[in-house]
């Protein structure tokens, strides 16, 4: 039999491939066609071997939501409009912090007026730590990328969120390492390390 399902949480073609692979692994499924544009999936399966719950379970196991066409998914607690508003709010909040961060980080390079505590070697740790503190709210506001990305990695089904999560986390961890190295350099009197 062929049945249509609504799928939520897809953001890229990798998501489509991961869902297709997860569903087609099930015994009794002869084919799955996932469509990113319509957020839907058509599955050909033998209803004597596999049922809707197993198909939905396979999709949810890798971090997405699914339900028979027309029904609400378990992971969809709010309408699409609310999710779009939340996404817009996250974007605006992130931009506010990022503009301040870019002003502090790039201001001295293009000779914008910045507080004196951010200048020269003496203010190196304050300069770096201020940037770190401004980056933390952006990471927190956009934590959904980390949740989705690492869930995809855990289930061996990485997606675009996995790429964003790994890249930004690597930059954050390196930033923390750099702050420690600057502090170590000051403690040892090694100004080349601070620079």
C-alpha atoms as a PDB file:
ATOM      1  CA  UNK A   1       0.000   0.000   0.000  1.00  0.00           C
ATOM      2  CA  UNK A   2       1.057   3.615  -0.494  1.00  0.00           C
ATOM      3  CA  UNK A   3       0.468   6.189   2.230  1.00  0.00           C
ATOM      4  CA  UNK A   4       1.316   9.857   2.541  1.00  0.00           C
ATOM      5  CA  UNK A   5       2.874  11.352   5.674  1.00  0.00           C
ATOM      6  CA  UNK A   6       3.514  14.928   6.739  1.00  0.00           C
ATOM      7  CA  UNK A   7       7.110  15.496   7.864  1.00  0.00           C
ATOM      8  CA  UNK A   8       8.394  18.369  10.012  1.00  0.00           C
ATOM      9  CA  UNK A   9      11.871  19.628  10.824  1.00  0.00           C
ATOM     10  CA  UNK A  10      13.459  19.263   7.368  1.00  0.00           C
ATOM     11  CA  UNK A  11      15.795  22.077   6.312  1.00  0.00           C
ATOM     12  CA  UNK A  12      17.944  20.712   3.484  1.00  0.00           C
ATOM     13  CA  UNK A  13      18.449  17.920   0.961  1.00  0.00           C
ATOM     14  CA  UNK A  14      20.526  16.042   3.520  1.00  0.00           C
ATOM     15  CA  UNK A  15      17.409  15.828   5.702  1.00  0.00           C
ATOM     16  CA  UNK A  16      15.518  14.322   2.775  1.00  0.00           C
ATOM     17  CA  UNK A  17      18.244  11.735   2.208  1.00  0.00           C
ATOM     18  CA  UNK A  18      18.411  10.844   5.916  1.00  0.00           C
ATOM     19  CA  UNK A  19      14.652  10.351   6.220  1.00  0.00           C
ATOM     20  CA  UNK A  20      14.496   8.327   3.005  1.00  0.00           C
ATOM     21  CA  UNK A  21      17.332   6.093   4.192  1.00  0.00           C
ATOM     22  CA  UNK A  22      15.823   5.604   7.673  1.00  0.00           C
ATOM     23  CA  UNK A  23      12.379   4.665   6.330  1.00  0.00           C
ATOM     24  CA  UNK A  24      13.666   2.427   3.531  1.00  0.00           C
ATOM     25  CA  UNK A  25      15.696   0.428   6.104  1.00  0.00           C
ATOM     26  CA  UNK A  26      12.467  -0.818   7.677  1.00  0.00           C
ATOM     27  CA  UNK A  27      11.375  -4.349   6.805  1.00  0.00           C
ATOM     28  CA  UNK A  28       8.292  -4.235   4.605  1.00  0.00           C
ATOM     29  CA  UNK A  29       9.033  -0.820   3.077  1.00  0.00           C
ATOM     30  CA  UNK A  30       9.586  -1.031  -0.668  1.00  0.00           C
ATOM     31  CA  UNK A  31      10.172   2.674  -1.238  1.00  0.00           C
ATOM     32  CA  UNK A  32       9.979   6.145   0.241  1.00  0.00           C
ATOM     33  CA  UNK A  33       9.737   9.438  -1.603  1.00  0.00           C
ATOM     34  CA  UNK A  34      10.418  12.480   0.600  1.00  0.00           C
ATOM     35  CA  UNK A  35       9.654  15.987  -0.661  1.00  0.00           C
ATOM     36  CA  UNK A  36      11.343  18.953   1.026  1.00  0.00           C
ATOM     37  CA  UNK A  37       9.122  21.568  -0.621  1.00  0.00           C
ATOM     38  CA  UNK A  38       5.831  20.071   0.558  1.00  0.00           C
ATOM     39  CA  UNK A  39       7.235  18.610   3.817  1.00  0.00           C
ATOM     40  CA  UNK A  40       5.704  15.296   2.908  1.00  0.00           C
ATOM     41  CA  UNK A  41       6.639  11.691   2.290  1.00  0.00           C
ATOM     42  CA  UNK A  42       4.992   8.914   0.297  1.00  0.00           C
ATOM     43  CA  UNK A  43       5.806   5.421   1.498  1.00  0.00           C
ATOM     44  CA  UNK A  44       5.109   2.126  -0.258  1.00  0.00           C
ATOM     45  CA  UNK A  45       4.929  -0.617   2.337  1.00  0.00           C
ATOM     46  CA  UNK A  46       3.400  -3.956   3.240  1.00  0.00           C
ATOM     47  CA  UNK A  47       0.897  -3.255   6.029  1.00  0.00           C
ATOM     48  CA  UNK A  48       1.278  -6.844   7.274  1.00  0.00           C
ATOM     49  CA  UNK A  49       4.945  -6.229   8.139  1.00  0.00           C
ATOM     50  CA  UNK A  50       5.183  -2.542   9.037  1.00  0.00           C
ATOM     51  CA  UNK A  51       2.642  -0.023  10.280  1.00  0.00           C
ATOM     52  CA  UNK A  52       2.363   3.764  10.597  1.00  0.00           C
ATOM     53  CA  UNK A  53       3.868   3.792  14.091  1.00  0.00           C
ATOM     54  CA  UNK A  54       7.072   2.064  12.931  1.00  0.00           C
ATOM     55  CA  UNK A  55       7.451   4.468  10.020  1.00  0.00           C
ATOM     56  CA  UNK A  56       6.809   7.493  12.228  1.00  0.00           C
ATOM     57  CA  UNK A  57       9.170   6.049  14.872  1.00  0.00           C
ATOM     58  CA  UNK A  58      11.976   5.691  12.298  1.00  0.00           C
ATOM     59  CA  UNK A  59      11.564   9.341  11.284  1.00  0.00           C
ATOM     60  CA  UNK A  60      11.403  10.598  14.874  1.00  0.00           C
ATOM     61  CA  UNK A  61      14.424   8.530  15.910  1.00  0.00           C
ATOM     62  CA  UNK A  62      16.661  10.583  13.622  1.00  0.00           C
ATOM     63  CA  UNK A  63      15.289  13.898  14.886  1.00  0.00           C
ATOM     64  CA  UNK A  64      12.339  14.829  12.683  1.00  0.00           C
ATOM     65  CA  UNK A  65       8.565  14.726  13.126  1.00  0.00           C
ATOM     66  CA  UNK A  66       6.061  12.700  11.127  1.00  0.00           C
ATOM     67  CA  UNK A  67       2.362  11.911  11.079  1.00  0.00           C
ATOM     68  CA  UNK A  68      -0.176  10.548   8.625  1.00  0.00           C
ATOM     69  CA  UNK A  69      -1.074  13.281   6.109  1.00  0.00           C
ATOM     70  CA  UNK A  70      -3.400  15.877   7.593  1.00  0.00           C
ATOM     71  CA  UNK A  71      -2.718  15.041  11.259  1.00  0.00           C
ATOM     72  CA  UNK A  72      -0.557  17.102  13.607  1.00  0.00           C
ATOM     73  CA  UNK A  73       2.934  15.725  14.341  1.00  0.00           C
ATOM     74  CA  UNK A  74       4.007  15.060  17.912  1.00  0.00           C
ATOM     75  CA  UNK A  75       6.815  17.595  17.628  1.00  0.00           C
ATOM     76  CA  UNK A  76       4.508  20.314  16.260  1.00  0.00           C
ATOM     77  CA  UNK A  77       3.099  21.964  19.362  1.00  0.00           C
ATOM     78  CA  UNK A  78       2.473  25.301  17.702  1.00  0.00           C
ATOM     79  CA  UNK A  79       1.314  26.477  14.282  1.00  0.00           C
ATOM     80  CA  UNK A  80       3.712  27.360  11.496  1.00  0.00           C
ATOM     81  CA  UNK A  81       3.053  31.101  11.972  1.00  0.00           C
ATOM     82  CA  UNK A  82       4.256  30.920  15.577  1.00  0.00           C
ATOM     83  CA  UNK A  83       7.421  29.129  14.504  1.00  0.00           C
ATOM     84  CA  UNK A  84       8.089  31.771  11.859  1.00  0.00           C
ATOM     85  CA  UNK A  85       7.589  34.529  14.445  1.00  0.00           C
ATOM     86  CA  UNK A  86       9.965  32.747  16.821  1.00  0.00           C
ATOM     87  CA  UNK A  87      12.534  32.403  14.042  1.00  0.00           C
ATOM     88  CA  UNK A  88      12.194  36.104  13.189  1.00  0.00           C
ATOM     89  CA  UNK A  89      12.590  37.004  16.885  1.00  0.00           C
ATOM     90  CA  UNK A  90      15.738  34.836  17.091  1.00  0.00           C
ATOM     91  CA  UNK A  91      17.145  36.534  14.006  1.00  0.00           C
ATOM     92  CA  UNK A  92      16.504  40.054  15.305  1.00  0.00           C
ATOM     93  CA  UNK A  93      17.925  39.225  18.750  1.00  0.00           C
ATOM     94  CA  UNK A  94      21.002  37.650  17.168  1.00  0.00           C
ATOM     95  CA  UNK A  95      21.558  40.636  14.895  1.00  0.00           C
ATOM     96  CA  UNK A  96      21.463  43.032  17.859  1.00  0.00           C
ATOM     97  CA  UNK A  97      24.199  41.114  19.683  1.00  0.00           C
ATOM     98  CA  UNK A  98      26.180  40.552  16.487  1.00  0.00           C
ATOM     99  CA  UNK A  99      26.185  44.259  15.554  1.00  0.00           C
ATOM    100  CA  UNK A 100      27.576  45.142  18.988  1.00  0.00           C
ATOM    101  CA  UNK A 101      30.090  42.279  18.713  1.00  0.00           C
ATOM    102  CA  UNK A 102      31.222  43.365  15.246  1.00  0.00           C
ATOM    103  CA  UNK A 103      31.577  46.977  16.411  1.00  0.00           C
ATOM    104  CA  UNK A 104      33.796  45.929  19.307  1.00  0.00           C
ATOM    105  CA  UNK A 105      35.793  43.399  17.259  1.00  0.00           C
ATOM    106  CA  UNK A 106      36.235  45.394  14.049  1.00  0.00           C
ATOM    107  CA  UNK A 107      35.950  48.977  15.339  1.00  0.00           C
ATOM    108  CA  UNK A 108      39.635  49.425  16.165  1.00  0.00           C
ATOM    109  CA  UNK A 109      40.632  48.086  12.734  1.00  0.00           C
ATOM    110  CA  UNK A 110      38.596  50.698  10.886  1.00  0.00           C
ATOM    111  CA  UNK A 111      39.276  53.449  13.419  1.00  0.00           C
ATOM    112  CA  UNK A 112      35.797  53.685  14.929  1.00  0.00           C
ATOM    113  CA  UNK A 113      35.623  55.193  18.407  1.00  0.00           C
ATOM    114  CA  UNK A 114      35.837  52.378  20.961  1.00  0.00           C
ATOM    115  CA  UNK A 115      36.497  52.415  24.708  1.00  0.00           C
ATOM    116  CA  UNK A 116      40.163  52.644  25.629  1.00  0.00           C
ATOM    117  CA  UNK A 117      40.007  49.387  27.622  1.00  0.00           C
ATOM    118  CA  UNK A 118      39.854  47.493  24.305  1.00  0.00           C
ATOM    119  CA  UNK A 119      43.094  48.979  22.959  1.00  0.00           C
ATOM    120  CA  UNK A 120      46.673  47.768  22.978  1.00  0.00           C
ATOM    121  CA  UNK A 121      48.064  44.768  24.870  1.00  0.00           C
ATOM    122  CA  UNK A 122      46.840  45.942  28.260  1.00  0.00           C
ATOM    123  CA  UNK A 123      43.225  45.455  27.194  1.00  0.00           C
ATOM    124  CA  UNK A 124      43.708  42.233  25.209  1.00  0.00           C
ATOM    125  CA  UNK A 125      41.938  39.935  27.663  1.00  0.00           C
ATOM    126  CA  UNK A 126      39.096  42.415  28.240  1.00  0.00           C
ATOM    127  CA  UNK A 127      38.786  42.804  24.455  1.00  0.00           C
ATOM    128  CA  UNK A 128      38.644  39.019  23.855  1.00  0.00           C
ATOM    129  CA  UNK A 129      36.453  38.228  26.870  1.00  0.00           C
ATOM    130  CA  UNK A 130      33.928  40.942  25.911  1.00  0.00           C
ATOM    131  CA  UNK A 131      33.611  39.358  22.473  1.00  0.00           C
ATOM    132  CA  UNK A 132      33.128  35.952  24.076  1.00  0.00           C
ATOM    133  CA  UNK A 133      30.394  37.272  26.380  1.00  0.00           C
ATOM    134  CA  UNK A 134      28.570  38.856  23.423  1.00  0.00           C
ATOM    135  CA  UNK A 135      28.780  35.596  21.457  1.00  0.00           C
ATOM    136  CA  UNK A 136      27.226  33.499  24.251  1.00  0.00           C
ATOM    137  CA  UNK A 137      23.693  34.968  23.951  1.00  0.00           C
ATOM    138  CA  UNK A 138      23.768  34.346  20.194  1.00  0.00           C
ATOM    139  CA  UNK A 139      24.676  30.706  20.836  1.00  0.00           C
ATOM    140  CA  UNK A 140      21.928  30.386  23.438  1.00  0.00           C
ATOM    141  CA  UNK A 141      19.283  32.091  21.295  1.00  0.00           C
ATOM    142  CA  UNK A 142      20.087  29.708  18.436  1.00  0.00           C
ATOM    143  CA  UNK A 143      20.489  26.567  20.542  1.00  0.00           C
ATOM    144  CA  UNK A 144      18.022  24.732  18.262  1.00  0.00           C
ATOM    145  CA  UNK A 145      20.857  24.377  15.724  1.00  0.00           C
ATOM    146  CA  UNK A 146      22.927  22.558  18.336  1.00  0.00           C
ATOM    147  CA  UNK A 147      20.072  20.352  19.509  1.00  0.00           C
ATOM    148  CA  UNK A 148      19.091  19.326  15.985  1.00  0.00           C
ATOM    149  CA  UNK A 149      22.667  19.129  14.719  1.00  0.00           C
ATOM    150  CA  UNK A 150      24.056  16.954  17.479  1.00  0.00           C
ATOM    151  CA  UNK A 151      20.939  14.784  17.501  1.00  0.00           C
ATOM    152  CA  UNK A 152      21.560  14.166  13.805  1.00  0.00           C
ATOM    153  CA  UNK A 153      25.213  13.310  14.465  1.00  0.00           C
ATOM    154  CA  UNK A 154      24.276  10.974  17.308  1.00  0.00           C
ATOM    155  CA  UNK A 155      21.906   9.105  15.003  1.00  0.00           C
ATOM    156  CA  UNK A 156      24.444   9.069  12.143  1.00  0.00           C
ATOM    157  CA  UNK A 157      22.203  11.307  10.075  1.00  0.00           C
ATOM    158  CA  UNK A 158      23.992  14.677   9.957  1.00  0.00           C
ATOM    159  CA  UNK A 159      22.222  17.631   8.379  1.00  0.00           C
ATOM    160  CA  UNK A 160      22.911  21.312   7.761  1.00  0.00           C
ATOM    161  CA  UNK A 161      22.333  22.040  11.465  1.00  0.00           C
ATOM    162  CA  UNK A 162      25.166  19.615  12.254  1.00  0.00           C
ATOM    163  CA  UNK A 163      27.506  21.680  10.085  1.00  0.00           C
ATOM    164  CA  UNK A 164      26.458  24.936  11.778  1.00  0.00           C
ATOM    165  CA  UNK A 165      26.723  23.385  15.257  1.00  0.00           C
ATOM    166  CA  UNK A 166      30.190  21.899  14.727  1.00  0.00           C
ATOM    167  CA  UNK A 167      31.598  24.998  13.029  1.00  0.00           C
ATOM    168  CA  UNK A 168      30.322  27.515  15.550  1.00  0.00           C
ATOM    169  CA  UNK A 169      31.183  25.321  18.540  1.00  0.00           C
ATOM    170  CA  UNK A 170      34.726  24.862  17.208  1.00  0.00           C
ATOM    171  CA  UNK A 171      35.106  28.647  16.916  1.00  0.00           C
ATOM    172  CA  UNK A 172      33.725  29.142  20.435  1.00  0.00           C
ATOM    173  CA  UNK A 173      36.051  26.528  21.945  1.00  0.00           C
ATOM    174  CA  UNK A 174      39.046  28.005  20.112  1.00  0.00           C
ATOM    175  CA  UNK A 175      38.077  31.457  21.429  1.00  0.00           C
ATOM    176  CA  UNK A 176      38.075  30.140  24.991  1.00  0.00           C
ATOM    177  CA  UNK A 177      41.470  28.524  24.376  1.00  0.00           C
ATOM    178  CA  UNK A 178      42.814  31.831  23.018  1.00  0.00           C
ATOM    179  CA  UNK A 179      41.627  33.728  26.107  1.00  0.00           C
ATOM    180  CA  UNK A 180      43.421  31.211  28.357  1.00  0.00           C
ATOM    181  CA  UNK A 181      46.578  31.507  26.272  1.00  0.00           C
ATOM    182  CA  UNK A 182      46.482  35.313  26.524  1.00  0.00           C
ATOM    183  CA  UNK A 183      46.095  35.092  30.301  1.00  0.00           C
ATOM    184  CA  UNK A 184      48.968  32.587  30.439  1.00  0.00           C
ATOM    185  CA  UNK A 185      51.086  34.913  28.289  1.00  0.00           C
ATOM    186  CA  UNK A 186      50.464  37.830  30.667  1.00  0.00           C
ATOM    187  CA  UNK A 187      51.305  35.643  33.659  1.00  0.00           C
ATOM    188  CA  UNK A 188      54.584  34.504  32.087  1.00  0.00           C
ATOM    189  CA  UNK A 189      55.470  37.912  30.655  1.00  0.00           C
ATOM    190  CA  UNK A 190      55.327  36.455  27.126  1.00  0.00           C
ATOM    191  CA  UNK A 191      53.872  39.377  25.151  1.00  0.00           C
ATOM    192  CA  UNK A 192      54.360  37.593  21.823  1.00  0.00           C
ATOM    193  CA  UNK A 193      51.907  34.950  23.019  1.00  0.00           C
ATOM    194  CA  UNK A 194      49.454  37.660  24.033  1.00  0.00           C
ATOM    195  CA  UNK A 195      49.745  39.281  20.606  1.00  0.00           C
END
